[in-house]
Amino acid sequence: ALQYAGQRLDLLGAVLAVVGLTALAAGLRPLLPRGTV
């Protein structure tokens, strides 16, 4: 979603960027060691 959002400079791109970041953060949390950030 973030990759696709990066190809756009419109409202849909901004929405996709937010959705992509949210999904990425939620997905990475259980996949990386605690305290990585």
PDB file of all heavy atoms in Angstrom:
ATOM      1  N   ALA A   1       0.825  -1.208   0.000  1.00  0.00           N
ATOM      2  CA  ALA A   1       0.000   0.000   0.000  1.00  0.00           C
ATOM      3  C   ALA A   1       0.860   1.260   0.000  1.00  0.00           C
ATOM      4  O   ALA A   1       0.556   2.243  -0.694  1.00  0.00           O
ATOM      5  CB  ALA A   1      -0.925  -0.004   1.218  1.00  0.00           C
ATOM      6  N   LEU A   2       1.939   1.230   0.754  1.00  0.00           N
ATOM      7  CA  LEU A   2       2.831   2.396   0.790  1.00  0.00           C
ATOM      8  C   LEU A   2       3.510   2.607  -0.557  1.00  0.00           C
ATOM      9  O   LEU A   2       3.689   3.746  -1.008  1.00  0.00           O
ATOM     10  CB  LEU A   2       3.869   2.220   1.896  1.00  0.00           C
ATOM     11  CG  LEU A   2       3.352   2.407   3.325  1.00  0.00           C
ATOM     12  CD1 LEU A   2       4.402   1.972   4.333  1.00  0.00           C
ATOM     13  CD2 LEU A   2       2.976   3.870   3.558  1.00  0.00           C
ATOM     14  N   GLN A   3       3.910   1.513  -1.189  1.00  0.00           N
ATOM     15  CA  GLN A   3       4.529   1.645  -2.511  1.00  0.00           C
ATOM     16  C   GLN A   3       3.566   2.274  -3.509  1.00  0.00           C
ATOM     17  O   GLN A   3       3.935   3.159  -4.279  1.00  0.00           O
ATOM     18  CB  GLN A   3       4.976   0.275  -3.018  1.00  0.00           C
ATOM     19  CG  GLN A   3       6.341  -0.163  -2.514  1.00  0.00           C
ATOM     20  CD  GLN A   3       6.997  -1.127  -3.488  1.00  0.00           C
ATOM     21  OE1 GLN A   3       6.342  -1.970  -4.076  1.00  0.00           O
ATOM     22  NE2 GLN A   3       8.289  -1.008  -3.646  1.00  0.00           N
ATOM     23  N   TYR A   4       2.329   1.823  -3.497  1.00  0.00           N
ATOM     24  CA  TYR A   4       1.347   2.368  -4.431  1.00  0.00           C
ATOM     25  C   TYR A   4       1.020   3.819  -4.094  1.00  0.00           C
ATOM     26  O   TYR A   4       0.877   4.662  -4.987  1.00  0.00           O
ATOM     27  CB  TYR A   4       0.081   1.513  -4.402  1.00  0.00           C
ATOM     28  CG  TYR A   4      -0.956   1.944  -5.416  1.00  0.00           C
ATOM     29  CD1 TYR A   4      -0.697   1.831  -6.779  1.00  0.00           C
ATOM     30  CD2 TYR A   4      -2.178   2.464  -5.014  1.00  0.00           C
ATOM     31  CE1 TYR A   4      -1.637   2.227  -7.721  1.00  0.00           C
ATOM     32  CE2 TYR A   4      -3.124   2.855  -5.944  1.00  0.00           C
ATOM     33  CZ  TYR A   4      -2.852   2.745  -7.295  1.00  0.00           C
ATOM     34  OH  TYR A   4      -3.775   3.143  -8.214  1.00  0.00           O
ATOM     35  N   ALA A   5       0.930   4.115  -2.796  1.00  0.00           N
ATOM     36  CA  ALA A   5       0.642   5.493  -2.381  1.00  0.00           C
ATOM     37  C   ALA A   5       1.743   6.437  -2.827  1.00  0.00           C
ATOM     38  O   ALA A   5       1.487   7.602  -3.162  1.00  0.00           O
ATOM     39  CB  ALA A   5       0.477   5.556  -0.867  1.00  0.00           C
ATOM     40  N   GLY A   6       2.985   5.945  -2.850  1.00  0.00           N
ATOM     41  CA  GLY A   6       4.106   6.789  -3.248  1.00  0.00           C
ATOM     42  C   GLY A   6       4.059   7.205  -4.702  1.00  0.00           C
ATOM     43  O   GLY A   6       4.755   8.140  -5.109  1.00  0.00           O
ATOM     44  N   GLN A   7       3.229   6.525  -5.504  1.00  0.00           N
ATOM     45  CA  GLN A   7       3.122   6.871  -6.915  1.00  0.00           C
ATOM     46  C   GLN A   7       2.056   7.924  -7.166  1.00  0.00           C
ATOM     47  O   GLN A   7       1.857   8.351  -8.295  1.00  0.00           O
ATOM     48  CB  GLN A   7       2.784   5.606  -7.724  1.00  0.00           C
ATOM     49  CG  GLN A   7       3.817   4.500  -7.587  1.00  0.00           C
ATOM     50  CD  GLN A   7       3.347   3.185  -8.196  1.00  0.00           C
ATOM     51  OE1 GLN A   7       2.385   3.150  -8.956  1.00  0.00           O
ATOM     52  NE2 GLN A   7       4.026   2.101  -7.865  1.00  0.00           N
ATOM     53  N   ARG A   8       1.355   8.340  -6.104  1.00  0.00           N
ATOM     54  CA  ARG A   8       0.250   9.279  -6.265  1.00  0.00           C
ATOM     55  C   ARG A   8       0.481  10.520  -5.409  1.00  0.00           C
ATOM     56  O   ARG A   8       1.071  10.462  -4.341  1.00  0.00           O
ATOM     57  CB  ARG A   8      -1.076   8.628  -5.854  1.00  0.00           C
ATOM     58  CG  ARG A   8      -1.328   7.268  -6.483  1.00  0.00           C
ATOM     59  CD  ARG A   8      -2.630   6.686  -5.998  1.00  0.00           C
ATOM     60  NE  ARG A   8      -3.760   7.512  -6.406  1.00  0.00           N
ATOM     61  CZ  ARG A   8      -4.542   7.237  -7.444  1.00  0.00           C
ATOM     62  NH1 ARG A   8      -4.298   6.175  -8.176  1.00  0.00           N
ATOM     63  NH2 ARG A   8      -5.558   8.021  -7.756  1.00  0.00           N
ATOM     64  N   LEU A   9      -0.014  11.629  -5.859  1.00  0.00           N
ATOM     65  CA  LEU A   9       0.016  12.869  -5.088  1.00  0.00           C
ATOM     66  C   LEU A   9      -1.419  13.406  -5.001  1.00  0.00           C
ATOM     67  O   LEU A   9      -1.724  14.515  -5.417  1.00  0.00           O
ATOM     68  CB  LEU A   9       0.932  13.904  -5.758  1.00  0.00           C
ATOM     69  CG  LEU A   9       2.433  13.679  -5.627  1.00  0.00           C
ATOM     70  CD1 LEU A   9       3.210  14.722  -6.409  1.00  0.00           C
ATOM     71  CD2 LEU A   9       2.860  13.680  -4.165  1.00  0.00           C
ATOM     72  N   ASP A  10      -2.316  12.580  -4.464  1.00  0.00           N
ATOM     73  CA  ASP A  10      -3.702  12.987  -4.338  1.00  0.00           C
ATOM     74  C   ASP A  10      -4.269  12.462  -3.025  1.00  0.00           C
ATOM     75  O   ASP A  10      -3.552  11.859  -2.214  1.00  0.00           O
ATOM     76  CB  ASP A  10      -4.527  12.481  -5.538  1.00  0.00           C
ATOM     77  CG  ASP A  10      -4.412  10.967  -5.727  1.00  0.00           C
ATOM     78  OD1 ASP A  10      -3.925  10.289  -4.804  1.00  0.00           O
ATOM     79  OD2 ASP A  10      -4.803  10.469  -6.798  1.00  0.00           O
ATOM     80  N   LEU A  11      -5.556  12.683  -2.814  1.00  0.00           N
ATOM     81  CA  LEU A  11      -6.179  12.285  -1.556  1.00  0.00           C
ATOM     82  C   LEU A  11      -6.132  10.767  -1.372  1.00  0.00           C
ATOM     83  O   LEU A  11      -5.872  10.280  -0.266  1.00  0.00           O
ATOM     84  CB  LEU A  11      -7.628  12.782  -1.523  1.00  0.00           C
ATOM     85  CG  LEU A  11      -8.422  12.441  -0.252  1.00  0.00           C
ATOM     86  CD1 LEU A  11      -7.734  13.040   0.972  1.00  0.00           C
ATOM     87  CD2 LEU A  11      -9.858  12.938  -0.371  1.00  0.00           C
ATOM     88  N   LEU A  12      -6.374  10.016  -2.457  1.00  0.00           N
ATOM     89  CA  LEU A  12      -6.315   8.561  -2.356  1.00  0.00           C
ATOM     90  C   LEU A  12      -4.931   8.097  -1.932  1.00  0.00           C
ATOM     91  O   LEU A  12      -4.787   7.181  -1.116  1.00  0.00           O
ATOM     92  CB  LEU A  12      -6.705   7.930  -3.689  1.00  0.00           C
ATOM     93  CG  LEU A  12      -6.620   6.397  -3.750  1.00  0.00           C
ATOM     94  CD1 LEU A  12      -7.536   5.767  -2.700  1.00  0.00           C
ATOM     95  CD2 LEU A  12      -6.974   5.885  -5.143  1.00  0.00           C
ATOM     96  N   GLY A  13      -3.887   8.738  -2.476  1.00  0.00           N
ATOM     97  CA  GLY A  13      -2.530   8.388  -2.085  1.00  0.00           C
ATOM     98  C   GLY A  13      -2.287   8.625  -0.608  1.00  0.00           C
ATOM     99  O   GLY A  13      -1.654   7.815   0.072  1.00  0.00           O
ATOM    100  N   ALA A  14      -2.811   9.754  -0.082  1.00  0.00           N
ATOM    101  CA  ALA A  14      -2.645  10.050   1.343  1.00  0.00           C
ATOM    102  C   ALA A  14      -3.368   9.023   2.210  1.00  0.00           C
ATOM    103  O   ALA A  14      -2.835   8.560   3.236  1.00  0.00           O
ATOM    104  CB  ALA A  14      -3.165  11.451   1.635  1.00  0.00           C
ATOM    105  N   VAL A  15      -4.582   8.638   1.797  1.00  0.00           N
ATOM    106  CA  VAL A  15      -5.338   7.637   2.552  1.00  0.00           C
ATOM    107  C   VAL A  15      -4.604   6.291   2.541  1.00  0.00           C
ATOM    108  O   VAL A  15      -4.477   5.624   3.572  1.00  0.00           O
ATOM    109  CB  VAL A  15      -6.756   7.490   1.962  1.00  0.00           C
ATOM    110  CG1 VAL A  15      -7.476   6.304   2.607  1.00  0.00           C
ATOM    111  CG2 VAL A  15      -7.550   8.767   2.174  1.00  0.00           C
ATOM    112  N   LEU A  16      -4.123   5.897   1.369  1.00  0.00           N
ATOM    113  CA  LEU A  16      -3.390   4.635   1.265  1.00  0.00           C
ATOM    114  C   LEU A  16      -2.123   4.647   2.105  1.00  0.00           C
ATOM    115  O   LEU A  16      -1.742   3.632   2.694  1.00  0.00           O
ATOM    116  CB  LEU A  16      -3.046   4.363  -0.200  1.00  0.00           C
ATOM    117  CG  LEU A  16      -4.179   3.854  -1.091  1.00  0.00           C
ATOM    118  CD1 LEU A  16      -3.708   3.786  -2.537  1.00  0.00           C
ATOM    119  CD2 LEU A  16      -4.648   2.478  -0.626  1.00  0.00           C
ATOM    120  N   ALA A  17      -1.465   5.811   2.172  1.00  0.00           N
ATOM    121  CA  ALA A  17      -0.247   5.912   2.981  1.00  0.00           C
ATOM    122  C   ALA A  17      -0.560   5.691   4.457  1.00  0.00           C
ATOM    123  O   ALA A  17       0.172   4.971   5.162  1.00  0.00           O
ATOM    124  CB  ALA A  17       0.402   7.275   2.772  1.00  0.00           C
ATOM    125  N   VAL A  18      -1.654   6.275   4.932  1.00  0.00           N
ATOM    126  CA  VAL A  18      -2.035   6.104   6.339  1.00  0.00           C
ATOM    127  C   VAL A  18      -2.402   4.644   6.612  1.00  0.00           C
ATOM    128  O   VAL A  18      -1.966   4.048   7.614  1.00  0.00           O
ATOM    129  CB  VAL A  18      -3.214   7.038   6.692  1.00  0.00           C
ATOM    130  CG1 VAL A  18      -3.737   6.720   8.090  1.00  0.00           C
ATOM    131  CG2 VAL A  18      -2.779   8.493   6.604  1.00  0.00           C
ATOM    132  N   VAL A  19      -3.198   4.069   5.709  1.00  0.00           N
ATOM    133  CA  VAL A  19      -3.591   2.669   5.866  1.00  0.00           C
ATOM    134  C   VAL A  19      -2.360   1.766   5.823  1.00  0.00           C
ATOM    135  O   VAL A  19      -2.213   0.837   6.637  1.00  0.00           O
ATOM    136  CB  VAL A  19      -4.598   2.262   4.770  1.00  0.00           C
ATOM    137  CG1 VAL A  19      -4.851   0.757   4.798  1.00  0.00           C
ATOM    138  CG2 VAL A  19      -5.913   3.014   4.953  1.00  0.00           C
ATOM    139  N   GLY A  20      -1.460   2.027   4.885  1.00  0.00           N
ATOM    140  CA  GLY A  20      -0.262   1.217   4.762  1.00  0.00           C
ATOM    141  C   GLY A  20       0.625   1.294   5.988  1.00  0.00           C
ATOM    142  O   GLY A  20       1.127   0.269   6.474  1.00  0.00           O
ATOM    143  N   LEU A  21       0.837   2.504   6.503  1.00  0.00           N
ATOM    144  CA  LEU A  21       1.660   2.663   7.709  1.00  0.00           C
ATOM    145  C   LEU A  21       1.045   1.954   8.903  1.00  0.00           C
ATOM    146  O   LEU A  21       1.738   1.321   9.700  1.00  0.00           O
ATOM    147  CB  LEU A  21       1.853   4.147   8.019  1.00  0.00           C
ATOM    148  CG  LEU A  21       2.900   4.889   7.181  1.00  0.00           C
ATOM    149  CD1 LEU A  21       2.850   6.389   7.474  1.00  0.00           C
ATOM    150  CD2 LEU A  21       4.296   4.351   7.455  1.00  0.00           C
ATOM    151  N   THR A  22      -0.276   2.062   9.031  1.00  0.00           N
ATOM    152  CA  THR A  22      -0.962   1.398  10.143  1.00  0.00           C
ATOM    153  C   THR A  22      -0.811  -0.115  10.048  1.00  0.00           C
ATOM    154  O   THR A  22      -0.502  -0.797  11.034  1.00  0.00           O
ATOM    155  CB  THR A  22      -2.451   1.778  10.152  1.00  0.00           C
ATOM    156  OG1 THR A  22      -2.576   3.199  10.233  1.00  0.00           O
ATOM    157  CG2 THR A  22      -3.161   1.146  11.329  1.00  0.00           C
ATOM    158  N   ALA A  23      -1.049  -0.650   8.842  1.00  0.00           N
ATOM    159  CA  ALA A  23      -0.919  -2.097   8.650  1.00  0.00           C
ATOM    160  C   ALA A  23       0.516  -2.555   8.875  1.00  0.00           C
ATOM    161  O   ALA A  23       0.755  -3.606   9.497  1.00  0.00           O
ATOM    162  CB  ALA A  23      -1.381  -2.471   7.238  1.00  0.00           C
ATOM    163  N   LEU A  24       1.480  -1.781   8.395  1.00  0.00           N
ATOM    164  CA  LEU A  24       2.886  -2.152   8.554  1.00  0.00           C
ATOM    165  C   LEU A  24       3.292  -2.160  10.014  1.00  0.00           C
ATOM    166  O   LEU A  24       3.940  -3.101  10.497  1.00  0.00           O
ATOM    167  CB  LEU A  24       3.768  -1.190   7.760  1.00  0.00           C
ATOM    168  CG  LEU A  24       5.270  -1.456   7.780  1.00  0.00           C
ATOM    169  CD1 LEU A  24       5.582  -2.827   7.204  1.00  0.00           C
ATOM    170  CD2 LEU A  24       6.016  -0.383   7.005  1.00  0.00           C
ATOM    171  N   ALA A  25       2.899  -1.111  10.745  1.00  0.00           N
ATOM    172  CA  ALA A  25       3.255  -1.041  12.164  1.00  0.00           C
ATOM    173  C   ALA A  25       2.622  -2.188  12.949  1.00  0.00           C
ATOM    174  O   ALA A  25       3.275  -2.821  13.797  1.00  0.00           O
ATOM    175  CB  ALA A  25       2.811   0.308  12.738  1.00  0.00           C
ATOM    176  N   ALA A  26       1.345  -2.474  12.650  1.00  0.00           N
ATOM    177  CA  ALA A  26       0.667  -3.557  13.361  1.00  0.00           C
ATOM    178  C   ALA A  26       1.292  -4.909  13.020  1.00  0.00           C
ATOM    179  O   ALA A  26       1.460  -5.767  13.897  1.00  0.00           O
ATOM    180  CB  ALA A  26      -0.819  -3.559  13.001  1.00  0.00           C
ATOM    181  N   GLY A  27       1.650  -5.109  11.762  1.00  0.00           N
ATOM    182  CA  GLY A  27       2.225  -6.381  11.360  1.00  0.00           C
ATOM    183  C   GLY A  27       3.633  -6.604  11.868  1.00  0.00           C
ATOM    184  O   GLY A  27       4.009  -7.721  12.226  1.00  0.00           O
ATOM    185  N   LEU A  28       4.424  -5.524  11.922  1.00  0.00           N
ATOM    186  CA  LEU A  28       5.823  -5.676  12.332  1.00  0.00           C
ATOM    187  C   LEU A  28       5.981  -5.906  13.828  1.00  0.00           C
ATOM    188  O   LEU A  28       6.947  -6.545  14.262  1.00  0.00           O
ATOM    189  CB  LEU A  28       6.618  -4.432  11.932  1.00  0.00           C
ATOM    190  CG  LEU A  28       6.939  -4.256  10.447  1.00  0.00           C
ATOM    191  CD1 LEU A  28       7.754  -2.992  10.235  1.00  0.00           C
ATOM    192  CD2 LEU A  28       7.693  -5.462   9.899  1.00  0.00           C
ATOM    193  N   ARG A  29       5.075  -5.385  14.610  1.00  0.00           N
ATOM    194  CA  ARG A  29       5.244  -5.443  16.064  1.00  0.00           C
ATOM    195  C   ARG A  29       5.501  -6.854  16.599  1.00  0.00           C
ATOM    196  O   ARG A  29       6.430  -7.055  17.386  1.00  0.00           O
ATOM    197  CB  ARG A  29       4.030  -4.819  16.751  1.00  0.00           C
ATOM    198  CG  ARG A  29       4.209  -4.651  18.255  1.00  0.00           C
ATOM    199  CD  ARG A  29       3.044  -3.904  18.885  1.00  0.00           C
ATOM    200  NE  ARG A  29       3.258  -3.726  20.304  1.00  0.00           N
ATOM    201  CZ  ARG A  29       2.945  -4.638  21.228  1.00  0.00           C
ATOM    202  NH1 ARG A  29       2.402  -5.788  20.846  1.00  0.00           N
ATOM    203  NH2 ARG A  29       3.181  -4.416  22.509  1.00  0.00           N
ATOM    204  N   PRO A  30       4.735  -7.854  16.174  1.00  0.00           N
ATOM    205  CA  PRO A  30       5.033  -9.206  16.680  1.00  0.00           C
ATOM    206  C   PRO A  30       6.140  -9.930  15.918  1.00  0.00           C
ATOM    207  O   PRO A  30       6.520 -11.034  16.299  1.00  0.00           O
ATOM    208  CB  PRO A  30       3.698  -9.942  16.509  1.00  0.00           C
ATOM    209  CG  PRO A  30       3.032  -9.255  15.393  1.00  0.00           C
ATOM    210  CD  PRO A  30       3.452  -7.824  15.449  1.00  0.00           C
ATOM    211  N   LEU A  31       6.654  -9.319  14.844  1.00  0.00           N
ATOM    212  CA  LEU A  31       7.665  -9.995  14.018  1.00  0.00           C
ATOM    213  C   LEU A  31       9.089  -9.585  14.364  1.00  0.00           C
ATOM    214  O   LEU A  31      10.035 -10.297  14.026  1.00  0.00           O
ATOM    215  CB  LEU A  31       7.409  -9.706  12.535  1.00  0.00           C
ATOM    216  CG  LEU A  31       6.058 -10.153  11.971  1.00  0.00           C
ATOM    217  CD1 LEU A  31       5.952  -9.771  10.503  1.00  0.00           C
ATOM    218  CD2 LEU A  31       5.866 -11.656  12.147  1.00  0.00           C
ATOM    219  N   LEU A  32       9.258  -8.435  14.998  1.00  0.00           N
ATOM    220  CA  LEU A  32      10.585  -7.934  15.332  1.00  0.00           C
ATOM    221  C   LEU A  32      10.838  -8.067  16.826  1.00  0.00           C
ATOM    222  O   LEU A  32       9.901  -8.106  17.629  1.00  0.00           O
ATOM    223  CB  LEU A  32      10.711  -6.461  14.914  1.00  0.00           C
ATOM    224  CG  LEU A  32      10.494  -6.153  13.428  1.00  0.00           C
ATOM    225  CD1 LEU A  32      10.662  -4.653  13.180  1.00  0.00           C
ATOM    226  CD2 LEU A  32      11.451  -6.942  12.558  1.00  0.00           C
ATOM    227  N   PRO A  33      12.104  -8.136  17.238  1.00  0.00           N
ATOM    228  CA  PRO A  33      12.404  -8.226  18.677  1.00  0.00           C
ATOM    229  C   PRO A  33      11.844  -7.033  19.438  1.00  0.00           C
ATOM    230  O   PRO A  33      11.818  -5.915  18.930  1.00  0.00           O
ATOM    231  CB  PRO A  33      13.941  -8.220  18.714  1.00  0.00           C
ATOM    232  CG  PRO A  33      14.359  -8.702  17.371  1.00  0.00           C
ATOM    233  CD  PRO A  33      13.321  -8.205  16.411  1.00  0.00           C
ATOM    234  N   ARG A  34      11.388  -7.281  20.633  1.00  0.00           N
ATOM    235  CA  ARG A  34      10.908  -6.189  21.481  1.00  0.00           C
ATOM    236  C   ARG A  34      12.026  -5.158  21.671  1.00  0.00           C
ATOM    237  O   ARG A  34      13.150  -5.504  21.977  1.00  0.00           O
ATOM    238  CB  ARG A  34      10.477  -6.713  22.850  1.00  0.00           C
ATOM    239  CG  ARG A  34       9.205  -7.530  22.847  1.00  0.00           C
ATOM    240  CD  ARG A  34       8.732  -7.766  24.286  1.00  0.00           C
ATOM    241  NE  ARG A  34       7.530  -8.595  24.332  1.00  0.00           N
ATOM    242  CZ  ARG A  34       7.524  -9.900  24.536  1.00  0.00           C
ATOM    243  NH1 ARG A  34       8.667 -10.531  24.719  1.00  0.00           N
ATOM    244  NH2 ARG A  34       6.397 -10.573  24.573  1.00  0.00           N
ATOM    245  N   GLY A  35      11.669  -3.896  21.501  1.00  0.00           N
ATOM    246  CA  GLY A  35      12.651  -2.844  21.692  1.00  0.00           C
ATOM    247  C   GLY A  35      13.432  -2.488  20.441  1.00  0.00           C
ATOM    248  O   GLY A  35      14.395  -1.715  20.522  1.00  0.00           O
ATOM    249  N   THR A  36      13.039  -3.007  19.274  1.00  0.00           N
ATOM    250  CA  THR A  36      13.768  -2.692  18.045  1.00  0.00           C
ATOM    251  C   THR A  36      13.709  -1.210  17.736  1.00  0.00           C
ATOM    252  O   THR A  36      14.726  -0.592  17.401  1.00  0.00           O
ATOM    253  CB  THR A  36      13.194  -3.494  16.857  1.00  0.00           C
ATOM    254  OG1 THR A  36      13.386  -4.895  17.097  1.00  0.00           O
ATOM    255  CG2 THR A  36      13.898  -3.125  15.562  1.00  0.00           C
ATOM    256  N   VAL A  37      12.541  -0.604  17.843  1.00  0.00           N
ATOM    257  CA  VAL A  37      12.398   0.828  17.549  1.00  0.00           C
ATOM    258  C   VAL A  37      13.214   1.665  18.524  1.00  0.00           C
ATOM    259  O   VAL A  37      13.801   2.690  18.149  1.00  0.00           O
ATOM    260  CB  VAL A  37      10.920   1.239  17.575  1.00  0.00           C
ATOM    261  CG1 VAL A  37      10.767   2.746  17.383  1.00  0.00           C
ATOM    262  CG2 VAL A  37      10.143   0.501  16.494  1.00  0.00           C
TER     263      VAL A  37
END
